[in-house]
């Protein structure tokens, strides 16, 4: 998502765009994003700075690190960026900053729910679905 600095009027500019998640390289081994992210916001400019306030929405799936079940959750994040402007600047590319803000919200250890019981160490059954017959629970 690029913003042409000279096209930002004095009253500000409203932006709305869908960004392909593959374009931002957001997927990891445990977390997979949906096909697009919705980005909406306002851009304002004063003489030597550009301020961008955004709302980023998207859906993603993750593998629980305890029971290995797949679960979905929604991303809905508000961010604010301020860019100092040089006279030689023509465009501001928001993609690296948007990517960084999303990655900062990644859970270190994704859990399908806070009380997830995980897998049986002996037989591998998901303890959230009930006990097992191997005698270890």
C-alpha atoms as a PDB file:
ATOM      1  CA  UNK A   1       0.000   0.000   0.000  1.00  0.00           C
ATOM      2  CA  UNK A   2       1.660   3.167  -1.200  1.00  0.00           C
ATOM      3  CA  UNK A   3       0.615   6.734  -0.583  1.00  0.00           C
ATOM      4  CA  UNK A   4       1.555   9.537  -2.966  1.00  0.00           C
ATOM      5  CA  UNK A   5       2.537  12.369  -0.644  1.00  0.00           C
ATOM      6  CA  UNK A   6       1.615  15.135  -3.093  1.00  0.00           C
ATOM      7  CA  UNK A   7      -1.931  13.750  -3.440  1.00  0.00           C
ATOM      8  CA  UNK A   8      -2.785  14.166   0.256  1.00  0.00           C
ATOM      9  CA  UNK A   9      -5.000  17.281   0.511  1.00  0.00           C
ATOM     10  CA  UNK A  10      -5.008  19.660   3.462  1.00  0.00           C
ATOM     11  CA  UNK A  11      -8.219  18.125   4.871  1.00  0.00           C
ATOM     12  CA  UNK A  12      -6.722  14.626   4.746  1.00  0.00           C
ATOM     13  CA  UNK A  13      -7.348  11.558   2.680  1.00  0.00           C
ATOM     14  CA  UNK A  14      -9.450   8.487   3.471  1.00  0.00           C
ATOM     15  CA  UNK A  15      -8.023   5.216   2.197  1.00  0.00           C
ATOM     16  CA  UNK A  16      -9.497   1.762   1.828  1.00  0.00           C
ATOM     17  CA  UNK A  17      -7.732  -1.194   0.285  1.00  0.00           C
ATOM     18  CA  UNK A  18      -7.593  -4.966   0.332  1.00  0.00           C
ATOM     19  CA  UNK A  19      -4.075  -6.341   0.571  1.00  0.00           C
ATOM     20  CA  UNK A  20      -3.292  -9.927  -0.320  1.00  0.00           C
ATOM     21  CA  UNK A  21      -1.795 -11.607   2.718  1.00  0.00           C
ATOM     22  CA  UNK A  22       0.735 -13.409   0.501  1.00  0.00           C
ATOM     23  CA  UNK A  23       2.064  -9.999  -0.525  1.00  0.00           C
ATOM     24  CA  UNK A  24       3.024  -9.316   3.112  1.00  0.00           C
ATOM     25  CA  UNK A  25       4.478 -12.820   3.694  1.00  0.00           C
ATOM     26  CA  UNK A  26       2.554 -13.345   6.943  1.00  0.00           C
ATOM     27  CA  UNK A  27       2.212 -17.143   7.087  1.00  0.00           C
ATOM     28  CA  UNK A  28       4.310 -19.210   9.468  1.00  0.00           C
ATOM     29  CA  UNK A  29       4.380 -22.930  10.323  1.00  0.00           C
ATOM     30  CA  UNK A  30       1.609 -22.451  12.908  1.00  0.00           C
ATOM     31  CA  UNK A  31      -0.315 -19.428  11.565  1.00  0.00           C
ATOM     32  CA  UNK A  32      -2.006 -19.137   8.151  1.00  0.00           C
ATOM     33  CA  UNK A  33      -3.778 -15.972   7.035  1.00  0.00           C
ATOM     34  CA  UNK A  34      -6.910 -15.749   4.936  1.00  0.00           C
ATOM     35  CA  UNK A  35      -6.529 -14.485   1.374  1.00  0.00           C
ATOM     36  CA  UNK A  36      -6.915 -10.735   2.060  1.00  0.00           C
ATOM     37  CA  UNK A  37      -6.574  -8.082   4.737  1.00  0.00           C
ATOM     38  CA  UNK A  38      -8.939  -5.117   4.816  1.00  0.00           C
ATOM     39  CA  UNK A  39      -7.168  -1.841   5.530  1.00  0.00           C
ATOM     40  CA  UNK A  40      -9.059   1.398   6.156  1.00  0.00           C
ATOM     41  CA  UNK A  41      -7.883   4.676   7.536  1.00  0.00           C
ATOM     42  CA  UNK A  42      -7.075   8.329   7.261  1.00  0.00           C
ATOM     43  CA  UNK A  43      -3.926  10.068   6.092  1.00  0.00           C
ATOM     44  CA  UNK A  44      -3.149  13.611   7.229  1.00  0.00           C
ATOM     45  CA  UNK A  45      -0.233  15.812   6.315  1.00  0.00           C
ATOM     46  CA  UNK A  46       1.405  18.760   7.949  1.00  0.00           C
ATOM     47  CA  UNK A  47       4.397  20.494   6.416  1.00  0.00           C
ATOM     48  CA  UNK A  48       7.079  18.023   7.477  1.00  0.00           C
ATOM     49  CA  UNK A  49       5.182  14.890   8.599  1.00  0.00           C
ATOM     50  CA  UNK A  50       2.584  12.435   7.374  1.00  0.00           C
ATOM     51  CA  UNK A  51       0.315  10.679   9.886  1.00  0.00           C
ATOM     52  CA  UNK A  52      -1.521   7.488   8.962  1.00  0.00           C
ATOM     53  CA  UNK A  53      -4.221   6.007  11.213  1.00  0.00           C
ATOM     54  CA  UNK A  54      -5.350   2.555  10.101  1.00  0.00           C
ATOM     55  CA  UNK A  55      -7.718  -0.226  11.049  1.00  0.00           C
ATOM     56  CA  UNK A  56      -6.503  -3.639   9.868  1.00  0.00           C
ATOM     57  CA  UNK A  57      -8.912  -6.583   9.702  1.00  0.00           C
ATOM     58  CA  UNK A  58      -8.347 -10.144   8.606  1.00  0.00           C
ATOM     59  CA  UNK A  59      -8.954 -13.765   9.486  1.00  0.00           C
ATOM     60  CA  UNK A  60      -6.375 -16.385  10.233  1.00  0.00           C
ATOM     61  CA  UNK A  61      -6.092 -19.972  11.284  1.00  0.00           C
ATOM     62  CA  UNK A  62      -3.623 -21.382  13.748  1.00  0.00           C
ATOM     63  CA  UNK A  63      -2.625 -24.769  15.106  1.00  0.00           C
ATOM     64  CA  UNK A  64      -2.992 -25.056  18.863  1.00  0.00           C
ATOM     65  CA  UNK A  65       0.401 -25.737  20.374  1.00  0.00           C
ATOM     66  CA  UNK A  66      -1.095 -28.106  22.996  1.00  0.00           C
ATOM     67  CA  UNK A  67      -3.693 -30.219  21.183  1.00  0.00           C
ATOM     68  CA  UNK A  68      -2.670 -29.501  17.545  1.00  0.00           C
ATOM     69  CA  UNK A  69      -6.283 -28.671  16.597  1.00  0.00           C
ATOM     70  CA  UNK A  70      -6.876 -26.014  13.973  1.00  0.00           C
ATOM     71  CA  UNK A  71      -8.799 -22.951  15.144  1.00  0.00           C
ATOM     72  CA  UNK A  72      -9.723 -19.592  13.593  1.00  0.00           C
ATOM     73  CA  UNK A  73      -9.504 -16.102  14.996  1.00  0.00           C
ATOM     74  CA  UNK A  74     -10.065 -12.584  13.731  1.00  0.00           C
ATOM     75  CA  UNK A  75      -7.521  -9.801  13.590  1.00  0.00           C
ATOM     76  CA  UNK A  76      -8.903  -6.312  14.227  1.00  0.00           C
ATOM     77  CA  UNK A  77      -6.150  -3.841  15.023  1.00  0.00           C
ATOM     78  CA  UNK A  78      -5.845  -0.056  15.054  1.00  0.00           C
ATOM     79  CA  UNK A  79      -2.427   1.423  14.366  1.00  0.00           C
ATOM     80  CA  UNK A  80      -0.936   4.865  13.918  1.00  0.00           C
ATOM     81  CA  UNK A  81       2.217   5.682  11.967  1.00  0.00           C
ATOM     82  CA  UNK A  82       3.999   9.025  11.683  1.00  0.00           C
ATOM     83  CA  UNK A  83       6.514   9.544   8.913  1.00  0.00           C
ATOM     84  CA  UNK A  84       8.892  12.518   8.822  1.00  0.00           C
ATOM     85  CA  UNK A  85       9.007  13.916   5.293  1.00  0.00           C
ATOM     86  CA  UNK A  86      12.010  14.966   3.260  1.00  0.00           C
ATOM     87  CA  UNK A  87      11.664  17.208   0.227  1.00  0.00           C
ATOM     88  CA  UNK A  88      12.762  14.322  -2.001  1.00  0.00           C
ATOM     89  CA  UNK A  89      10.033  11.947  -0.753  1.00  0.00           C
ATOM     90  CA  UNK A  90       7.284  11.173  -3.273  1.00  0.00           C
ATOM     91  CA  UNK A  91       5.739   7.992  -1.841  1.00  0.00           C
ATOM     92  CA  UNK A  92       5.386   6.260   1.502  1.00  0.00           C
ATOM     93  CA  UNK A  93       5.171   2.445   1.419  1.00  0.00           C
ATOM     94  CA  UNK A  94       3.034   1.205   4.327  1.00  0.00           C
ATOM     95  CA  UNK A  95       3.439  -2.540   3.671  1.00  0.00           C
ATOM     96  CA  UNK A  96       6.556  -3.112   5.854  1.00  0.00           C
ATOM     97  CA  UNK A  97       5.000  -1.291   8.820  1.00  0.00           C
ATOM     98  CA  UNK A  98       1.635  -3.051   8.434  1.00  0.00           C
ATOM     99  CA  UNK A  99       3.430  -6.416   8.294  1.00  0.00           C
ATOM    100  CA  UNK A 100       5.445  -5.607  11.408  1.00  0.00           C
ATOM    101  CA  UNK A 101       2.369  -4.554  13.400  1.00  0.00           C
ATOM    102  CA  UNK A 102       0.534  -7.763  12.486  1.00  0.00           C
ATOM    103  CA  UNK A 103       3.487  -9.989  13.382  1.00  0.00           C
ATOM    104  CA  UNK A 104       3.770  -8.257  16.767  1.00  0.00           C
ATOM    105  CA  UNK A 105       0.288  -9.635  17.575  1.00  0.00           C
ATOM    106  CA  UNK A 106       1.228 -13.243  16.817  1.00  0.00           C
ATOM    107  CA  UNK A 107       0.908 -15.430  19.901  1.00  0.00           C
ATOM    108  CA  UNK A 108       4.170 -17.039  20.998  1.00  0.00           C
ATOM    109  CA  UNK A 109       2.284 -20.205  21.840  1.00  0.00           C
ATOM    110  CA  UNK A 110      -1.103 -20.300  20.062  1.00  0.00           C
ATOM    111  CA  UNK A 111      -3.875 -21.922  22.112  1.00  0.00           C
ATOM    112  CA  UNK A 112      -7.354 -22.861  20.883  1.00  0.00           C
ATOM    113  CA  UNK A 113      -8.634 -21.819  24.301  1.00  0.00           C
ATOM    114  CA  UNK A 114      -6.940 -20.872  27.599  1.00  0.00           C
ATOM    115  CA  UNK A 115      -7.901 -24.129  29.345  1.00  0.00           C
ATOM    116  CA  UNK A 116      -6.778 -26.457  26.530  1.00  0.00           C
ATOM    117  CA  UNK A 117      -5.732 -29.795  28.057  1.00  0.00           C
ATOM    118  CA  UNK A 118      -3.544 -30.898  25.158  1.00  0.00           C
ATOM    119  CA  UNK A 119      -2.771 -34.464  24.078  1.00  0.00           C
ATOM    120  CA  UNK A 120      -2.311 -37.593  26.175  1.00  0.00           C
ATOM    121  CA  UNK A 121       1.406 -38.254  26.501  1.00  0.00           C
ATOM    122  CA  UNK A 122       0.892 -41.999  26.167  1.00  0.00           C
ATOM    123  CA  UNK A 123      -1.680 -42.538  23.416  1.00  0.00           C
ATOM    124  CA  UNK A 124      -1.923 -39.062  21.815  1.00  0.00           C
ATOM    125  CA  UNK A 125      -5.696 -38.611  22.268  1.00  0.00           C
ATOM    126  CA  UNK A 126      -6.976 -35.054  22.472  1.00  0.00           C
ATOM    127  CA  UNK A 127      -7.910 -34.629  26.169  1.00  0.00           C
ATOM    128  CA  UNK A 128     -10.379 -31.846  25.274  1.00  0.00           C
ATOM    129  CA  UNK A 129     -12.570 -34.515  23.634  1.00  0.00           C
ATOM    130  CA  UNK A 130     -12.673 -36.670  26.774  1.00  0.00           C
ATOM    131  CA  UNK A 131     -10.435 -39.072  28.614  1.00  0.00           C
ATOM    132  CA  UNK A 132      -8.558 -41.963  27.033  1.00  0.00           C
ATOM    133  CA  UNK A 133      -8.318 -45.642  27.924  1.00  0.00           C
ATOM    134  CA  UNK A 134      -4.559 -45.946  28.200  1.00  0.00           C
ATOM    135  CA  UNK A 135      -4.602 -45.369  31.971  1.00  0.00           C
ATOM    136  CA  UNK A 136      -2.531 -42.176  32.072  1.00  0.00           C
ATOM    137  CA  UNK A 137      -5.553 -39.867  32.629  1.00  0.00           C
END
